Amino acid sequence: MHVTAKLTKQVWQSGDVAKLRIIITNNTDVNVSRITI
């Protein structure tokens, strides 16, 4: 199973909302139960 994560931009402003992407390529027979951030 391959997991890739990245933010949507380089510079963020305090008080704002950062945006994160998590991409999962699951080639196994086991499911994901939870993602903790």
PDB file of all heavy atoms in Angstrom:
ATOM      1  N   MET A   1       0.868  -1.174   0.000  1.00  0.00           N
ATOM      2  CA  MET A   1       0.000   0.000   0.000  1.00  0.00           C
ATOM      3  C   MET A   1       0.906   1.224   0.000  1.00  0.00           C
ATOM      4  O   MET A   1       1.824   1.321   0.819  1.00  0.00           O
ATOM      5  CB  MET A   1      -0.913   0.016   1.226  1.00  0.00           C
ATOM      6  CG  MET A   1      -1.772   1.286   1.327  1.00  0.00           C
ATOM      7  SD  MET A   1      -2.753   1.329   2.859  1.00  0.00           S
ATOM      8  CE  MET A   1      -3.837  -0.062   2.610  1.00  0.00           C
ATOM      9  N   HIS A   2       0.669   2.154  -0.912  1.00  0.00           N
ATOM     10  CA  HIS A   2       1.469   3.377  -1.020  1.00  0.00           C
ATOM     11  C   HIS A   2       0.631   4.563  -0.527  1.00  0.00           C
ATOM     12  O   HIS A   2      -0.517   4.730  -0.936  1.00  0.00           O
ATOM     13  CB  HIS A   2       1.919   3.607  -2.458  1.00  0.00           C
ATOM     14  CG  HIS A   2       2.847   2.543  -2.965  1.00  0.00           C
ATOM     15  ND1 HIS A   2       4.211   2.626  -2.843  1.00  0.00           N
ATOM     16  CD2 HIS A   2       2.596   1.360  -3.591  1.00  0.00           C
ATOM     17  CE1 HIS A   2       4.769   1.555  -3.365  1.00  0.00           C
ATOM     18  NE2 HIS A   2       3.819   0.769  -3.826  1.00  0.00           N
ATOM     19  N   VAL A   3       1.241   5.382   0.329  1.00  0.00           N
ATOM     20  CA  VAL A   3       0.567   6.566   0.868  1.00  0.00           C
ATOM     21  C   VAL A   3       1.418   7.791   0.543  1.00  0.00           C
ATOM     22  O   VAL A   3       2.619   7.816   0.826  1.00  0.00           O
ATOM     23  CB  VAL A   3       0.366   6.457   2.389  1.00  0.00           C
ATOM     24  CG1 VAL A   3      -0.421   7.662   2.913  1.00  0.00           C
ATOM     25  CG2 VAL A   3      -0.336   5.152   2.766  1.00  0.00           C
ATOM     26  N   THR A   4       0.791   8.784  -0.046  1.00  0.00           N
ATOM     27  CA  THR A   4       1.474  10.038  -0.384  1.00  0.00           C
ATOM     28  C   THR A   4       0.701  11.196   0.242  1.00  0.00           C
ATOM     29  O   THR A   4      -0.534  11.226   0.185  1.00  0.00           O
ATOM     30  CB  THR A   4       1.556  10.243  -1.906  1.00  0.00           C
ATOM     31  OG1 THR A   4       2.258   9.143  -2.493  1.00  0.00           O
ATOM     32  CG2 THR A   4       2.267  11.534  -2.248  1.00  0.00           C
ATOM     33  N   ALA A   5       1.417  12.137   0.822  1.00  0.00           N
ATOM     34  CA  ALA A   5       0.772  13.297   1.436  1.00  0.00           C
ATOM     35  C   ALA A   5       1.529  14.559   1.045  1.00  0.00           C
ATOM     36  O   ALA A   5       2.760  14.559   0.942  1.00  0.00           O
ATOM     37  CB  ALA A   5       0.740  13.155   2.953  1.00  0.00           C
ATOM     38  N   LYS A   6       0.791  15.638   0.822  1.00  0.00           N
ATOM     39  CA  LYS A   6       1.417  16.928   0.539  1.00  0.00           C
ATOM     40  C   LYS A   6       0.447  18.061   0.816  1.00  0.00           C
ATOM     41  O   LYS A   6      -0.780  17.897   0.744  1.00  0.00           O
ATOM     42  CB  LYS A   6       1.920  17.003  -0.909  1.00  0.00           C
ATOM     43  CG  LYS A   6       0.825  16.991  -1.965  1.00  0.00           C
ATOM     44  CD  LYS A   6       1.440  17.151  -3.351  1.00  0.00           C
ATOM     45  CE  LYS A   6       0.365  17.177  -4.431  1.00  0.00           C
ATOM     46  NZ  LYS A   6       0.946  17.388  -5.774  1.00  0.00           N
ATOM     47  N   LEU A   7       0.997  19.195   1.169  1.00  0.00           N
ATOM     48  CA  LEU A   7       0.210  20.413   1.325  1.00  0.00           C
ATOM     49  C   LEU A   7      -0.077  21.003  -0.050  1.00  0.00           C
ATOM     50  O   LEU A   7       0.595  20.677  -1.030  1.00  0.00           O
ATOM     51  CB  LEU A   7       0.954  21.412   2.200  1.00  0.00           C
ATOM     52  CG  LEU A   7       1.101  21.009   3.666  1.00  0.00           C
ATOM     53  CD1 LEU A   7       2.205  21.817   4.343  1.00  0.00           C
ATOM     54  CD2 LEU A   7      -0.209  21.193   4.411  1.00  0.00           C
ATOM     55  N   THR A   8      -1.045  21.905  -0.129  1.00  0.00           N
ATOM     56  CA  THR A   8      -1.417  22.470  -1.421  1.00  0.00           C
ATOM     57  C   THR A   8      -0.588  23.697  -1.802  1.00  0.00           C
ATOM     58  O   THR A   8      -0.681  24.169  -2.933  1.00  0.00           O
ATOM     59  CB  THR A   8      -2.914  22.841  -1.438  1.00  0.00           C
ATOM     60  OG1 THR A   8      -3.182  23.764  -0.366  1.00  0.00           O
ATOM     61  CG2 THR A   8      -3.773  21.600  -1.239  1.00  0.00           C
ATOM     62  N   LYS A   9       0.206  24.245  -0.843  1.00  0.00           N
ATOM     63  CA  LYS A   9       1.102  25.354  -1.188  1.00  0.00           C
ATOM     64  C   LYS A   9       2.232  25.416  -0.175  1.00  0.00           C
ATOM     65  O   LYS A   9       2.236  24.691   0.826  1.00  0.00           O
ATOM     66  CB  LYS A   9       0.348  26.688  -1.266  1.00  0.00           C
ATOM     67  CG  LYS A   9      -0.308  27.132   0.021  1.00  0.00           C
ATOM     68  CD  LYS A   9      -1.026  28.463  -0.189  1.00  0.00           C
ATOM     69  CE  LYS A   9      -1.632  28.978   1.125  1.00  0.00           C
ATOM     70  NZ  LYS A   9      -2.313  30.292   0.941  1.00  0.00           N
ATOM     71  N   GLN A  10       3.201  26.297  -0.433  1.00  0.00           N
ATOM     72  CA  GLN A  10       4.419  26.364   0.377  1.00  0.00           C
ATOM     73  C   GLN A  10       4.289  27.263   1.604  1.00  0.00           C
ATOM     74  O   GLN A  10       4.791  26.949   2.671  1.00  0.00           O
ATOM     75  CB  GLN A  10       5.584  26.907  -0.475  1.00  0.00           C
ATOM     76  CG  GLN A  10       5.913  26.087  -1.697  1.00  0.00           C
ATOM     77  CD  GLN A  10       6.852  24.940  -1.374  1.00  0.00           C
ATOM     78  OE1 GLN A  10       6.870  24.433  -0.264  1.00  0.00           O
ATOM     79  NE2 GLN A  10       7.624  24.531  -2.345  1.00  0.00           N
ATOM     80  N   VAL A  11       3.644  28.412   1.445  1.00  0.00           N
ATOM     81  CA  VAL A  11       3.608  29.431   2.487  1.00  0.00           C
ATOM     82  C   VAL A  11       2.190  29.538   3.045  1.00  0.00           C
ATOM     83  O   VAL A  11       1.223  29.680   2.283  1.00  0.00           O
ATOM     84  CB  VAL A  11       4.059  30.801   1.943  1.00  0.00           C
ATOM     85  CG1 VAL A  11       4.017  31.859   3.040  1.00  0.00           C
ATOM     86  CG2 VAL A  11       5.462  30.708   1.356  1.00  0.00           C
ATOM     87  N   TRP A  12       2.089  29.481   4.369  1.00  0.00           N
ATOM     88  CA  TRP A  12       0.788  29.586   5.033  1.00  0.00           C
ATOM     89  C   TRP A  12       0.817  30.752   6.008  1.00  0.00           C
ATOM     90  O   TRP A  12       1.866  31.158   6.487  1.00  0.00           O
ATOM     91  CB  TRP A  12       0.463  28.287   5.772  1.00  0.00           C
ATOM     92  CG  TRP A  12       0.332  27.123   4.836  1.00  0.00           C
ATOM     93  CD1 TRP A  12       1.295  26.214   4.508  1.00  0.00           C
ATOM     94  CD2 TRP A  12      -0.804  26.782   4.054  1.00  0.00           C
ATOM     95  NE1 TRP A  12       0.827  25.315   3.584  1.00  0.00           N
ATOM     96  CE2 TRP A  12      -0.461  25.632   3.290  1.00  0.00           C
ATOM     97  CE3 TRP A  12      -2.081  27.315   3.928  1.00  0.00           C
ATOM     98  CZ2 TRP A  12      -1.359  25.023   2.418  1.00  0.00           C
ATOM     99  CZ3 TRP A  12      -2.974  26.701   3.060  1.00  0.00           C
ATOM    100  CH2 TRP A  12      -2.621  25.570   2.320  1.00  0.00           C
ATOM    101  N   GLN A  13      -0.396  31.246   6.289  1.00  0.00           N
ATOM    102  CA  GLN A  13      -0.531  32.388   7.184  1.00  0.00           C
ATOM    103  C   GLN A  13      -1.129  31.928   8.502  1.00  0.00           C
ATOM    104  O   GLN A  13      -2.125  31.205   8.526  1.00  0.00           O
ATOM    105  CB  GLN A  13      -1.434  33.435   6.524  1.00  0.00           C
ATOM    106  CG  GLN A  13      -1.311  34.831   7.090  1.00  0.00           C
ATOM    107  CD  GLN A  13      -2.033  35.838   6.213  1.00  0.00           C
ATOM    108  OE1 GLN A  13      -3.195  35.694   5.891  1.00  0.00           O
ATOM    109  NE2 GLN A  13      -1.312  36.880   5.811  1.00  0.00           N
ATOM    110  N   SER A  14      -0.511  32.333   9.605  1.00  0.00           N
ATOM    111  CA  SER A  14      -1.042  31.991  10.915  1.00  0.00           C
ATOM    112  C   SER A  14      -2.474  32.508  11.049  1.00  0.00           C
ATOM    113  O   SER A  14      -2.768  33.642  10.679  1.00  0.00           O
ATOM    114  CB  SER A  14      -0.156  32.597  12.003  1.00  0.00           C
ATOM    115  OG  SER A  14      -0.674  32.334  13.273  1.00  0.00           O
ATOM    116  N   GLY A  15      -3.356  31.660  11.583  1.00  0.00           N
ATOM    117  CA  GLY A  15      -4.768  32.008  11.691  1.00  0.00           C
ATOM    118  C   GLY A  15      -5.592  31.519  10.529  1.00  0.00           C
ATOM    119  O   GLY A  15      -6.828  31.532  10.577  1.00  0.00           O
ATOM    120  N   ASP A  16      -4.928  31.086   9.454  1.00  0.00           N
ATOM    121  CA  ASP A  16      -5.616  30.589   8.264  1.00  0.00           C
ATOM    122  C   ASP A  16      -5.884  29.088   8.425  1.00  0.00           C
ATOM    123  O   ASP A  16      -5.744  28.519   9.503  1.00  0.00           O
ATOM    124  CB  ASP A  16      -4.753  30.874   7.029  1.00  0.00           C
ATOM    125  CG  ASP A  16      -5.569  30.914   5.743  1.00  0.00           C
ATOM    126  OD1 ASP A  16      -6.750  30.548   5.776  1.00  0.00           O
ATOM    127  OD2 ASP A  16      -5.004  31.305   4.707  1.00  0.00           O
ATOM    128  N   VAL A  17      -6.259  28.438   7.324  1.00  0.00           N
ATOM    129  CA  VAL A  17      -6.512  26.998   7.308  1.00  0.00           C
ATOM    130  C   VAL A  17      -5.599  26.366   6.271  1.00  0.00           C
ATOM    131  O   VAL A  17      -5.648  26.715   5.087  1.00  0.00           O
ATOM    132  CB  VAL A  17      -7.985  26.689   6.976  1.00  0.00           C
ATOM    133  CG1 VAL A  17      -8.196  25.178   6.859  1.00  0.00           C
ATOM    134  CG2 VAL A  17      -8.909  27.253   8.041  1.00  0.00           C
ATOM    135  N   ALA A  18      -4.716  25.457   6.704  1.00  0.00           N
ATOM    136  CA  ALA A  18      -3.850  24.728   5.773  1.00  0.00           C
ATOM    137  C   ALA A  18      -4.636  23.584   5.152  1.00  0.00           C
ATOM    138  O   ALA A  18      -5.521  22.999   5.787  1.00  0.00           O
ATOM    139  CB  ALA A  18      -2.618  24.196   6.496  1.00  0.00           C
ATOM    140  N   LYS A  19      -4.312  23.270   3.895  1.00  0.00           N
ATOM    141  CA  LYS A  19      -5.031  22.208   3.185  1.00  0.00           C
ATOM    142  C   LYS A  19      -4.055  21.105   2.802  1.00  0.00           C
ATOM    143  O   LYS A  19      -3.018  21.357   2.200  1.00  0.00           O
ATOM    144  CB  LYS A  19      -5.727  22.785   1.953  1.00  0.00           C
ATOM    145  CG  LYS A  19      -6.806  23.800   2.324  1.00  0.00           C
ATOM    146  CD  LYS A  19      -7.434  24.454   1.111  1.00  0.00           C
ATOM    147  CE  LYS A  19      -8.468  25.499   1.548  1.00  0.00           C
ATOM    148  NZ  LYS A  19      -9.058  26.198   0.375  1.00  0.00           N
ATOM    149  N   LEU A  20      -4.423  19.892   3.177  1.00  0.00           N
ATOM    150  CA  LEU A  20      -3.567  18.721   3.020  1.00  0.00           C
ATOM    151  C   LEU A  20      -4.264  17.684   2.146  1.00  0.00           C
ATOM    152  O   LEU A  20      -5.483  17.482   2.254  1.00  0.00           O
ATOM    153  CB  LEU A  20      -3.271  18.121   4.397  1.00  0.00           C
ATOM    154  CG  LEU A  20      -2.470  16.823   4.449  1.00  0.00           C
ATOM    155  CD1 LEU A  20      -1.002  17.098   4.146  1.00  0.00           C
ATOM    156  CD2 LEU A  20      -2.627  16.169   5.823  1.00  0.00           C
ATOM    157  N   ARG A  21      -3.492  17.033   1.290  1.00  0.00           N
ATOM    158  CA  ARG A  21      -4.009  15.936   0.469  1.00  0.00           C
ATOM    159  C   ARG A  21      -3.297  14.644   0.847  1.00  0.00           C
ATOM    160  O   ARG A  21      -2.076  14.623   0.986  1.00  0.00           O
ATOM    161  CB  ARG A  21      -3.791  16.230  -1.015  1.00  0.00           C
ATOM    162  CG  ARG A  21      -4.641  17.382  -1.543  1.00  0.00           C
ATOM    163  CD  ARG A  21      -4.287  17.725  -2.971  1.00  0.00           C
ATOM    164  NE  ARG A  21      -5.061  18.861  -3.443  1.00  0.00           N
ATOM    165  CZ  ARG A  21      -4.774  19.580  -4.522  1.00  0.00           C
ATOM    166  NH1 ARG A  21      -3.684  19.270  -5.240  1.00  0.00           N
ATOM    167  NH2 ARG A  21      -5.532  20.598  -4.886  1.00  0.00           N
ATOM    168  N   ILE A  22      -4.087  13.578   0.982  1.00  0.00           N
ATOM    169  CA  ILE A  22      -3.540  12.245   1.238  1.00  0.00           C
ATOM    170  C   ILE A  22      -4.037  11.309   0.139  1.00  0.00           C
ATOM    171  O   ILE A  22      -5.254  11.170  -0.052  1.00  0.00           O
ATOM    172  CB  ILE A  22      -3.958  11.715   2.620  1.00  0.00           C
ATOM    173  CG1 ILE A  22      -3.441  12.640   3.729  1.00  0.00           C
ATOM    174  CG2 ILE A  22      -3.429  10.292   2.835  1.00  0.00           C
ATOM    175  CD1 ILE A  22      -3.892  12.247   5.116  1.00  0.00           C
ATOM    176  N   ILE A  23      -3.106  10.725  -0.585  1.00  0.00           N
ATOM    177  CA  ILE A  23      -3.449   9.825  -1.696  1.00  0.00           C
ATOM    178  C   ILE A  23      -2.988   8.419  -1.325  1.00  0.00           C
ATOM    179  O   ILE A  23      -1.818   8.210  -0.984  1.00  0.00           O
ATOM    180  CB  ILE A  23      -2.784  10.285  -3.000  1.00  0.00           C
ATOM    181  CG1 ILE A  23      -3.196  11.724  -3.334  1.00  0.00           C
ATOM    182  CG2 ILE A  23      -3.121   9.343  -4.156  1.00  0.00           C
ATOM    183  CD1 ILE A  23      -2.353  12.378  -4.390  1.00  0.00           C
ATOM    184  N   ILE A  24      -3.911   7.461  -1.396  1.00  0.00           N
ATOM    185  CA  ILE A  24      -3.605   6.075  -1.041  1.00  0.00           C
ATOM    186  C   ILE A  24      -3.840   5.169  -2.246  1.00  0.00           C
ATOM    187  O   ILE A  24      -4.887   5.234  -2.892  1.00  0.00           O
ATOM    188  CB  ILE A  24      -4.471   5.604   0.145  1.00  0.00           C
ATOM    189  CG1 ILE A  24      -4.162   6.442   1.392  1.00  0.00           C
ATOM    190  CG2 ILE A  24      -4.238   4.113   0.433  1.00  0.00           C
ATOM    191  CD1 ILE A  24      -5.036   6.113   2.589  1.00  0.00           C
ATOM    192  N   THR A  25      -2.840   4.370  -2.550  1.00  0.00           N
ATOM    193  CA  THR A  25      -2.974   3.333  -3.569  1.00  0.00           C
ATOM    194  C   THR A  25      -2.886   1.983  -2.856  1.00  0.00           C
ATOM    195  O   THR A  25      -1.804   1.561  -2.420  1.00  0.00           O
ATOM    196  CB  THR A  25      -1.865   3.447  -4.633  1.00  0.00           C
ATOM    197  OG1 THR A  25      -1.883   4.765  -5.183  1.00  0.00           O
ATOM    198  CG2 THR A  25      -2.075   2.428  -5.740  1.00  0.00           C
ATOM    199  N   ASN A  26      -4.038   1.358  -2.709  1.00  0.00           N
ATOM    200  CA  ASN A  26      -4.116   0.129  -1.916  1.00  0.00           C
ATOM    201  C   ASN A  26      -4.159  -1.090  -2.822  1.00  0.00           C
ATOM    202  O   ASN A  26      -5.185  -1.407  -3.418  1.00  0.00           O
ATOM    203  CB  ASN A  26      -5.349   0.177  -1.010  1.00  0.00           C
ATOM    204  CG  ASN A  26      -5.344  -0.944   0.016  1.00  0.00           C
ATOM    205  OD1 ASN A  26      -4.479  -1.818  -0.005  1.00  0.00           O
ATOM    206  ND2 ASN A  26      -6.321  -0.919   0.918  1.00  0.00           N
ATOM    207  N   ASN A  27      -3.040  -1.779  -2.933  1.00  0.00           N
ATOM    208  CA  ASN A  27      -2.968  -3.010  -3.735  1.00  0.00           C
ATOM    209  C   ASN A  27      -3.064  -4.263  -2.869  1.00  0.00           C
ATOM    210  O   ASN A  27      -2.752  -5.367  -3.326  1.00  0.00           O
ATOM    211  CB  ASN A  27      -1.650  -3.032  -4.516  1.00  0.00           C
ATOM    212  CG  ASN A  27      -1.551  -1.879  -5.495  1.00  0.00           C
ATOM    213  OD1 ASN A  27      -2.512  -1.554  -6.183  1.00  0.00           O
ATOM    214  ND2 ASN A  27      -0.390  -1.232  -5.544  1.00  0.00           N
ATOM    215  N   THR A  28      -3.459  -4.090  -1.616  1.00  0.00           N
ATOM    216  CA  THR A  28      -3.554  -5.223  -0.704  1.00  0.00           C
ATOM    217  C   THR A  28      -5.014  -5.651  -0.556  1.00  0.00           C
ATOM    218  O   THR A  28      -5.929  -5.029  -1.096  1.00  0.00           O
ATOM    219  CB  THR A  28      -2.991  -4.854   0.674  1.00  0.00           C
ATOM    220  OG1 THR A  28      -3.933  -4.013   1.368  1.00  0.00           O
ATOM    221  CG2 THR A  28      -1.668  -4.108   0.549  1.00  0.00           C
ATOM    222  N   ASP A  29      -5.212  -6.690   0.246  1.00  0.00           N
ATOM    223  CA  ASP A  29      -6.568  -7.164   0.552  1.00  0.00           C
ATOM    224  C   ASP A  29      -7.036  -6.645   1.915  1.00  0.00           C
ATOM    225  O   ASP A  29      -8.081  -7.064   2.409  1.00  0.00           O
ATOM    226  CB  ASP A  29      -6.588  -8.704   0.564  1.00  0.00           C
ATOM    227  CG  ASP A  29      -6.196  -9.290  -0.788  1.00  0.00           C
ATOM    228  OD1 ASP A  29      -6.555  -8.672  -1.814  1.00  0.00           O
ATOM    229  OD2 ASP A  29      -5.508 -10.326  -0.813  1.00  0.00           O
ATOM    230  N   VAL A  30      -6.247  -5.740   2.501  1.00  0.00           N
ATOM    231  CA  VAL A  30      -6.578  -5.213   3.827  1.00  0.00           C
ATOM    232  C   VAL A  30      -7.040  -3.767   3.693  1.00  0.00           C
ATOM    233  O   VAL A  30      -6.410  -2.965   2.994  1.00  0.00           O
ATOM    234  CB  VAL A  30      -5.352  -5.295   4.765  1.00  0.00           C
ATOM    235  CG1 VAL A  30      -5.718  -4.790   6.155  1.00  0.00           C
ATOM    236  CG2 VAL A  30      -4.828  -6.719   4.841  1.00  0.00           C
ATOM    237  N   ASN A  31      -8.123  -3.430   4.369  1.00  0.00           N
ATOM    238  CA  ASN A  31      -8.671  -2.085   4.301  1.00  0.00           C
ATOM    239  C   ASN A  31      -8.010  -1.156   5.322  1.00  0.00           C
ATOM    240  O   ASN A  31      -7.458  -1.606   6.332  1.00  0.00           O
ATOM    241  CB  ASN A  31     -10.179  -2.108   4.561  1.00  0.00           C
ATOM    242  CG  ASN A  31     -10.947  -2.749   3.417  1.00  0.00           C
ATOM    243  OD1 ASN A  31     -10.624  -2.532   2.248  1.00  0.00           O
ATOM    244  ND2 ASN A  31     -11.953  -3.542   3.749  1.00  0.00           N
ATOM    245  N   VAL A  32      -8.112   0.132   5.032  1.00  0.00           N
ATOM    246  CA  VAL A  32      -7.683   1.163   5.984  1.00  0.00           C
ATOM    247  C   VAL A  32      -8.780   1.331   7.023  1.00  0.00           C
ATOM    248  O   VAL A  32      -9.963   1.462   6.678  1.00  0.00           O
ATOM    249  CB  VAL A  32      -7.420   2.497   5.262  1.00  0.00           C
ATOM    250  CG1 VAL A  32      -7.101   3.599   6.265  1.00  0.00           C
ATOM    251  CG2 VAL A  32      -6.289   2.346   4.256  1.00  0.00           C
ATOM    252  N   SER A  33      -8.403   1.319   8.305  1.00  0.00           N
ATOM    253  CA  SER A  33      -9.413   1.478   9.364  1.00  0.00           C
ATOM    254  C   SER A  33      -9.521   2.926   9.840  1.00  0.00           C
ATOM    255  O   SER A  33     -10.609   3.390  10.180  1.00  0.00           O
ATOM    256  CB  SER A  33      -9.106   0.566  10.549  1.00  0.00           C
ATOM    257  OG  SER A  33      -7.871   0.918  11.154  1.00  0.00           O
ATOM    258  N   ARG A  34      -8.394   3.653   9.847  1.00  0.00           N
ATOM    259  CA  ARG A  34      -8.462   5.051  10.289  1.00  0.00           C
ATOM    260  C   ARG A  34      -7.210   5.807   9.833  1.00  0.00           C
ATOM    261  O   ARG A  34      -6.166   5.205   9.568  1.00  0.00           O
ATOM    262  CB  ARG A  34      -8.605   5.163  11.810  1.00  0.00           C
ATOM    263  CG  ARG A  34      -7.417   4.662  12.588  1.00  0.00           C
ATOM    264  CD  ARG A  34      -7.638   4.787  14.103  1.00  0.00           C
ATOM    265  NE  ARG A  34      -6.493   4.317  14.865  1.00  0.00           N
ATOM    266  CZ  ARG A  34      -6.319   3.067  15.244  1.00  0.00           C
ATOM    267  NH1 ARG A  34      -7.215   2.134  14.899  1.00  0.00           N
ATOM    268  NH2 ARG A  34      -5.252   2.721  15.947  1.00  0.00           N
ATOM    269  N   ILE A  35      -7.358   7.123   9.760  1.00  0.00           N
ATOM    270  CA  ILE A  35      -6.245   8.023   9.449  1.00  0.00           C
ATOM    271  C   ILE A  35      -6.195   9.077  10.547  1.00  0.00           C
ATOM    272  O   ILE A  35      -7.187   9.774  10.801  1.00  0.00           O
ATOM    273  CB  ILE A  35      -6.424   8.690   8.070  1.00  0.00           C
ATOM    274  CG1 ILE A  35      -6.512   7.631   6.958  1.00  0.00           C
ATOM    275  CG2 ILE A  35      -5.268   9.648   7.789  1.00  0.00           C
ATOM    276  CD1 ILE A  35      -6.849   8.201   5.604  1.00  0.00           C
ATOM    277  N   THR A  36      -5.055   9.180  11.213  1.00  0.00           N
ATOM    278  CA  THR A  36      -4.879  10.150  12.299  1.00  0.00           C
ATOM    279  C   THR A  36      -3.930  11.252  11.833  1.00  0.00           C
ATOM    280  O   THR A  36      -2.854  10.969  11.300  1.00  0.00           O
ATOM    281  CB  THR A  36      -4.319   9.475  13.558  1.00  0.00           C
ATOM    282  OG1 THR A  36      -5.168   8.382  13.919  1.00  0.00           O
ATOM    283  CG2 THR A  36      -4.249  10.457  14.709  1.00  0.00           C
ATOM    284  N   ILE A  37      -4.350  12.493  12.046  1.00  0.00           N
ATOM    285  CA  ILE A  37      -3.568  13.652  11.588  1.00  0.00           C
ATOM    286  C   ILE A  37      -3.333  14.579  12.776  1.00  0.00           C
ATOM    287  O   ILE A  37      -4.267  14.928  13.502  1.00  0.00           O
ATOM    288  CB  ILE A  37      -4.315  14.405  10.470  1.00  0.00           C
ATOM    289  CG1 ILE A  37      -4.648  13.454   9.316  1.00  0.00           C
ATOM    290  CG2 ILE A  37      -3.498  15.582   9.959  1.00  0.00           C
ATOM    291  CD1 ILE A  37      -5.715  13.967   8.402  1.00  0.00           C
TER     292      ILE A  37
END
